[in-house]
Amino acid sequence: MLALLAPLAHERNVELGPATAPVHVLADRRRLRQVLINLVTNGVRYNRPGGTVAVTAQLDGSVVVIAVRDTGRGIPAEMLGRLFTPFDRLGAEGTTESGAGLGLVLARTLTVAMGGTLEVTTAAGEGTTIDMRLPTANGTHCAPTPDGSATRRRRLRPSITQL
């Protein structure tokens, strides 16, 4: 997934950190990919030249914490309450960056639909970390599908997905 975003990162002079060791989560593969692409793209687009975006994943009990950290401008404290408001671009509408202000709203909605949470930690001028917490697939008993992945029916057709 990071390779897909490498051209954008290169164009913006932002370094994409290496991915961590693989972990397995119980999530809808397509929606998980959609959320991660959105989070990493935001990290690149709202970063500074020479900045970094790193994606890490680690097991924390029965959940996997996927963290997307950037060294961008961060979000001012007075705007945090508006972070998940549809169509609110938090002042970015006055910049050349395109967007509708729906990316984080959709990312959180999809994460919650997959049984997870999305939390944001930010400091103006220092960067932002978005932690996505999803159920781990460790010990999950699922029926194999024709493509060899495992699947169990829930709202968004979760499957054991390797990050």
C-alpha atoms as a PDB file:
ATOM      1  CA  MET A   1       0.000   0.000   0.000  1.00  0.00           C
ATOM      2  CA  LEU A   2       2.850   2.410   0.755  1.00  0.00           C
ATOM      3  CA  ALA A   3       4.282   1.742  -2.713  1.00  0.00           C
ATOM      4  CA  LEU A   4       1.005   3.009  -4.193  1.00  0.00           C
ATOM      5  CA  LEU A   5       1.480   6.351  -2.439  1.00  0.00           C
ATOM      6  CA  ALA A   6       5.229   6.670  -3.082  1.00  0.00           C
ATOM      7  CA  PRO A   7       4.825   8.937  -6.156  1.00  0.00           C
ATOM      8  CA  LEU A   8       2.710  11.436  -4.179  1.00  0.00           C
ATOM      9  CA  ALA A   9       5.206  11.363  -1.313  1.00  0.00           C
ATOM     10  CA  HIS A  10       8.110  11.875  -3.721  1.00  0.00           C
ATOM     11  CA  GLU A  11       6.308  14.787  -5.409  1.00  0.00           C
ATOM     12  CA  ARG A  12       5.759  16.436  -1.999  1.00  0.00           C
ATOM     13  CA  ASN A  13       9.287  15.617  -0.734  1.00  0.00           C
ATOM     14  CA  VAL A  14       7.855  13.531   2.122  1.00  0.00           C
ATOM     15  CA  GLU A  15       9.482  10.293   3.211  1.00  0.00           C
ATOM     16  CA  LEU A  16       7.283   7.243   3.794  1.00  0.00           C
ATOM     17  CA  GLY A  17       8.599   5.192   6.678  1.00  0.00           C
ATOM     18  CA  PRO A  18       9.042   1.461   6.277  1.00  0.00           C
ATOM     19  CA  ALA A  19       6.123  -0.769   7.208  1.00  0.00           C
ATOM     20  CA  THR A  20       6.407  -2.808  10.393  1.00  0.00           C
ATOM     21  CA  ALA A  21       6.296  -6.584  10.663  1.00  0.00           C
ATOM     22  CA  PRO A  22       3.031  -8.069   9.387  1.00  0.00           C
ATOM     23  CA  VAL A  23       0.081  -8.397  11.743  1.00  0.00           C
ATOM     24  CA  HIS A  24      -3.382  -9.793  11.114  1.00  0.00           C
ATOM     25  CA  VAL A  25      -6.628  -7.974  11.822  1.00  0.00           C
ATOM     26  CA  LEU A  26     -10.251  -8.959  11.469  1.00  0.00           C
ATOM     27  CA  ALA A  27     -11.517  -6.338   9.012  1.00  0.00           C
ATOM     28  CA  ASP A  28     -13.017  -5.825   5.604  1.00  0.00           C
ATOM     29  CA  ARG A  29      -9.926  -5.873   3.370  1.00  0.00           C
ATOM     30  CA  ARG A  30     -11.172  -3.297   0.855  1.00  0.00           C
ATOM     31  CA  ARG A  31     -12.433  -0.849   3.479  1.00  0.00           C
ATOM     32  CA  LEU A  32      -9.291  -1.201   5.591  1.00  0.00           C
ATOM     33  CA  ARG A  33      -7.180  -0.402   2.550  1.00  0.00           C
ATOM     34  CA  GLN A  34      -9.433   2.576   1.761  1.00  0.00           C
ATOM     35  CA  VAL A  35      -9.028   3.966   5.293  1.00  0.00           C
ATOM     36  CA  LEU A  36      -5.263   3.477   5.323  1.00  0.00           C
ATOM     37  CA  ILE A  37      -4.824   5.106   1.922  1.00  0.00           C
ATOM     38  CA  ASN A  38      -6.849   8.099   3.137  1.00  0.00           C
ATOM     39  CA  LEU A  39      -4.870   8.446   6.374  1.00  0.00           C
ATOM     40  CA  VAL A  40      -1.470   8.155   4.681  1.00  0.00           C
ATOM     41  CA  THR A  41      -2.506  10.486   1.857  1.00  0.00           C
ATOM     42  CA  ASN A  42      -3.595  13.103   4.409  1.00  0.00           C
ATOM     43  CA  GLY A  43      -0.276  12.657   6.217  1.00  0.00           C
ATOM     44  CA  VAL A  44       1.590  13.343   2.977  1.00  0.00           C
ATOM     45  CA  ARG A  45      -0.617  16.190   1.727  1.00  0.00           C
ATOM     46  CA  TYR A  46      -0.632  18.141   4.992  1.00  0.00           C
ATOM     47  CA  ASN A  47       3.036  17.566   5.776  1.00  0.00           C
ATOM     48  CA  ARG A  48       6.033  19.815   5.316  1.00  0.00           C
ATOM     49  CA  PRO A  49       8.779  19.382   2.715  1.00  0.00           C
ATOM     50  CA  GLY A  50      11.315  16.941   4.125  1.00  0.00           C
ATOM     51  CA  GLY A  51       8.726  15.534   6.540  1.00  0.00           C
ATOM     52  CA  THR A  52       7.879  11.896   7.189  1.00  0.00           C
ATOM     53  CA  VAL A  53       4.844   9.644   7.400  1.00  0.00           C
ATOM     54  CA  ALA A  54       5.238   6.330   9.204  1.00  0.00           C
ATOM     55  CA  VAL A  55       2.753   3.481   9.483  1.00  0.00           C
ATOM     56  CA  THR A  56       3.187   1.017  12.323  1.00  0.00           C
ATOM     57  CA  ALA A  57       1.083  -1.873  13.555  1.00  0.00           C
ATOM     58  CA  GLN A  58       1.389  -3.666  16.855  1.00  0.00           C
ATOM     59  CA  LEU A  59      -0.613  -6.061  18.938  1.00  0.00           C
ATOM     60  CA  ASP A  60      -2.127  -4.624  22.134  1.00  0.00           C
ATOM     61  CA  GLY A  61      -4.047  -7.394  23.866  1.00  0.00           C
ATOM     62  CA  SER A  62      -7.022  -8.344  21.705  1.00  0.00           C
ATOM     63  CA  VAL A  63      -6.614  -5.422  19.297  1.00  0.00           C
ATOM     64  CA  VAL A  64      -4.108  -4.304  16.717  1.00  0.00           C
ATOM     65  CA  VAL A  65      -3.140  -0.632  16.869  1.00  0.00           C
ATOM     66  CA  ILE A  66      -2.324   0.755  13.440  1.00  0.00           C
ATOM     67  CA  ALA A  67      -0.697   4.157  13.836  1.00  0.00           C
ATOM     68  CA  VAL A  68      -0.202   6.665  11.030  1.00  0.00           C
ATOM     69  CA  ARG A  69       2.219   9.347  12.236  1.00  0.00           C
ATOM     70  CA  ASP A  70       3.208  12.446  10.302  1.00  0.00           C
ATOM     71  CA  THR A  71       5.531  15.365  10.978  1.00  0.00           C
ATOM     72  CA  GLY A  72       3.185  17.894   9.381  1.00  0.00           C
ATOM     73  CA  ARG A  73       1.707  21.082  10.726  1.00  0.00           C
ATOM     74  CA  GLY A  74      -0.631  19.349  13.163  1.00  0.00           C
ATOM     75  CA  ILE A  75      -4.102  20.581  14.048  1.00  0.00           C
ATOM     76  CA  PRO A  76      -4.617  23.580  16.319  1.00  0.00           C
ATOM     77  CA  ALA A  77      -6.305  22.679  19.617  1.00  0.00           C
ATOM     78  CA  GLU A  78      -9.245  25.015  18.948  1.00  0.00           C
ATOM     79  CA  MET A  79     -10.122  23.011  15.808  1.00  0.00           C
ATOM     80  CA  LEU A  80     -10.042  19.517  17.337  1.00  0.00           C
ATOM     81  CA  GLY A  81     -13.747  19.589  18.212  1.00  0.00           C
ATOM     82  CA  ARG A  82     -14.527  19.995  14.503  1.00  0.00           C
ATOM     83  CA  LEU A  83     -12.226  17.220  13.317  1.00  0.00           C
ATOM     84  CA  PHE A  84     -14.959  14.728  12.393  1.00  0.00           C
ATOM     85  CA  THR A  85     -17.505  17.271  11.130  1.00  0.00           C
ATOM     86  CA  PRO A  86     -18.510  16.517   7.530  1.00  0.00           C
ATOM     87  CA  PHE A  87     -17.344  19.111   4.991  1.00  0.00           C
ATOM     88  CA  ASP A  88     -15.271  21.037   7.569  1.00  0.00           C
ATOM     89  CA  ARG A  89     -11.751  21.299   6.149  1.00  0.00           C
ATOM     90  CA  LEU A  90     -10.384  22.998   9.265  1.00  0.00           C
ATOM     91  CA  GLY A  91      -9.075  25.993   7.364  1.00  0.00           C
ATOM     92  CA  ALA A  92      -7.605  24.027   4.441  1.00  0.00           C
ATOM     93  CA  GLU A  93     -10.242  25.494   2.148  1.00  0.00           C
ATOM     94  CA  GLY A  94      -8.000  28.586   1.987  1.00  0.00           C
ATOM     95  CA  THR A  95      -5.114  26.522   0.567  1.00  0.00           C
ATOM     96  CA  THR A  96      -4.373  24.883  -2.761  1.00  0.00           C
ATOM     97  CA  GLU A  97      -5.099  21.420  -1.316  1.00  0.00           C
ATOM     98  CA  SER A  98      -8.175  19.815  -2.827  1.00  0.00           C
ATOM     99  CA  GLY A  99     -10.708  17.891  -0.795  1.00  0.00           C
ATOM    100  CA  ALA A 100     -14.251  17.940   0.494  1.00  0.00           C
ATOM    101  CA  GLY A 101     -13.644  17.466   4.213  1.00  0.00           C
ATOM    102  CA  LEU A 102     -15.047  13.936   4.249  1.00  0.00           C
ATOM    103  CA  GLY A 103     -11.936  11.742   4.445  1.00  0.00           C
ATOM    104  CA  LEU A 104     -11.574  11.495   8.221  1.00  0.00           C
ATOM    105  CA  VAL A 105     -15.338  11.282   8.691  1.00  0.00           C
ATOM    106  CA  LEU A 106     -15.498   8.290   6.347  1.00  0.00           C
ATOM    107  CA  ALA A 107     -12.345   6.757   7.839  1.00  0.00           C
ATOM    108  CA  ARG A 108     -13.849   6.816  11.322  1.00  0.00           C
ATOM    109  CA  THR A 109     -17.251   5.571  10.119  1.00  0.00           C
ATOM    110  CA  LEU A 110     -15.679   2.618   8.292  1.00  0.00           C
ATOM    111  CA  THR A 111     -13.372   1.816  11.212  1.00  0.00           C
ATOM    112  CA  VAL A 112     -16.298   1.751  13.647  1.00  0.00           C
ATOM    113  CA  ALA A 113     -18.306  -0.421  11.221  1.00  0.00           C
ATOM    114  CA  MET A 114     -15.398  -2.909  11.287  1.00  0.00           C
ATOM    115  CA  GLY A 115     -15.558  -3.055  15.097  1.00  0.00           C
ATOM    116  CA  GLY A 116     -12.738  -0.608  15.746  1.00  0.00           C
ATOM    117  CA  THR A 117     -11.988   2.918  16.859  1.00  0.00           C
ATOM    118  CA  LEU A 118     -10.093   5.866  15.402  1.00  0.00           C
ATOM    119  CA  GLU A 119      -8.296   8.300  17.722  1.00  0.00           C
ATOM    120  CA  VAL A 120      -6.312  11.413  16.851  1.00  0.00           C
ATOM    121  CA  THR A 121      -3.418  12.925  18.780  1.00  0.00           C
ATOM    122  CA  THR A 122      -1.958  16.116  17.391  1.00  0.00           C
ATOM    123  CA  ALA A 123       0.187  19.077  18.263  1.00  0.00           C
ATOM    124  CA  ALA A 124       0.204  22.231  16.153  1.00  0.00           C
ATOM    125  CA  GLY A 125       3.545  22.571  14.400  1.00  0.00           C
ATOM    126  CA  GLU A 126       4.675  19.049  15.362  1.00  0.00           C
ATOM    127  CA  GLY A 127       2.433  16.600  13.541  1.00  0.00           C
ATOM    128  CA  THR A 128      -0.434  14.201  13.969  1.00  0.00           C
ATOM    129  CA  THR A 129      -0.843  10.559  14.951  1.00  0.00           C
ATOM    130  CA  ILE A 130      -3.991   8.660  14.064  1.00  0.00           C
ATOM    131  CA  ASP A 131      -4.445   5.365  15.897  1.00  0.00           C
ATOM    132  CA  MET A 132      -6.831   2.877  14.338  1.00  0.00           C
ATOM    133  CA  ARG A 133      -7.688   0.018  16.693  1.00  0.00           C
ATOM    134  CA  LEU A 134      -9.148  -3.139  15.165  1.00  0.00           C
ATOM    135  CA  PRO A 135      -9.780  -6.619  16.538  1.00  0.00           C
ATOM    136  CA  THR A 136      -6.868  -8.970  16.108  1.00  0.00           C
ATOM    137  CA  ALA A 137      -7.361 -12.059  13.993  1.00  0.00           C
ATOM    138  CA  ASN A 138      -5.169 -14.138  16.300  1.00  0.00           C
ATOM    139  CA  GLY A 139      -7.102 -17.190  17.429  1.00  0.00           C
ATOM    140  CA  THR A 140     -10.055 -16.379  15.158  1.00  0.00           C
ATOM    141  CA  HIS A 141     -11.697 -19.390  13.583  1.00  0.00           C
ATOM    142  CA  CYS A 142     -13.052 -18.480  10.186  1.00  0.00           C
ATOM    143  CA  ALA A 143     -14.113 -20.439   7.149  1.00  0.00           C
ATOM    144  CA  PRO A 144     -11.594 -20.341   4.285  1.00  0.00           C
ATOM    145  CA  THR A 145     -12.662 -18.604   1.096  1.00  0.00           C
ATOM    146  CA  PRO A 146     -11.722 -19.644  -2.459  1.00  0.00           C
ATOM    147  CA  ASP A 147      -8.798 -17.188  -2.578  1.00  0.00           C
ATOM    148  CA  GLY A 148      -7.264 -18.751   0.537  1.00  0.00           C
ATOM    149  CA  SER A 149      -8.120 -15.950   2.937  1.00  0.00           C
ATOM    150  CA  ALA A 150     -10.396 -16.548   5.898  1.00  0.00           C
ATOM    151  CA  THR A 151     -13.713 -14.852   6.312  1.00  0.00           C
ATOM    152  CA  ARG A 152     -16.487 -14.538   8.884  1.00  0.00           C
ATOM    153  CA  ARG A 153     -19.745 -12.728   8.162  1.00  0.00           C
ATOM    154  CA  ARG A 154     -20.257  -9.399   9.907  1.00  0.00           C
ATOM    155  CA  ARG A 155     -21.358  -6.009   8.729  1.00  0.00           C
ATOM    156  CA  LEU A 156     -18.512  -5.369   6.283  1.00  0.00           C
ATOM    157  CA  ARG A 157     -17.489  -8.928   5.432  1.00  0.00           C
ATOM    158  CA  PRO A 158     -14.420  -8.946   7.675  1.00  0.00           C
ATOM    159  CA  SER A 159     -11.597 -11.236   6.797  1.00  0.00           C
ATOM    160  CA  ILE A 160      -8.234 -11.929   8.303  1.00  0.00           C
ATOM    161  CA  THR A 161      -6.172  -9.246   6.648  1.00  0.00           C
ATOM    162  CA  GLN A 162      -2.420  -8.981   6.796  1.00  0.00           C
ATOM    163  CA  LEU A 163      -1.028  -5.477   7.151  1.00  0.00           C
END
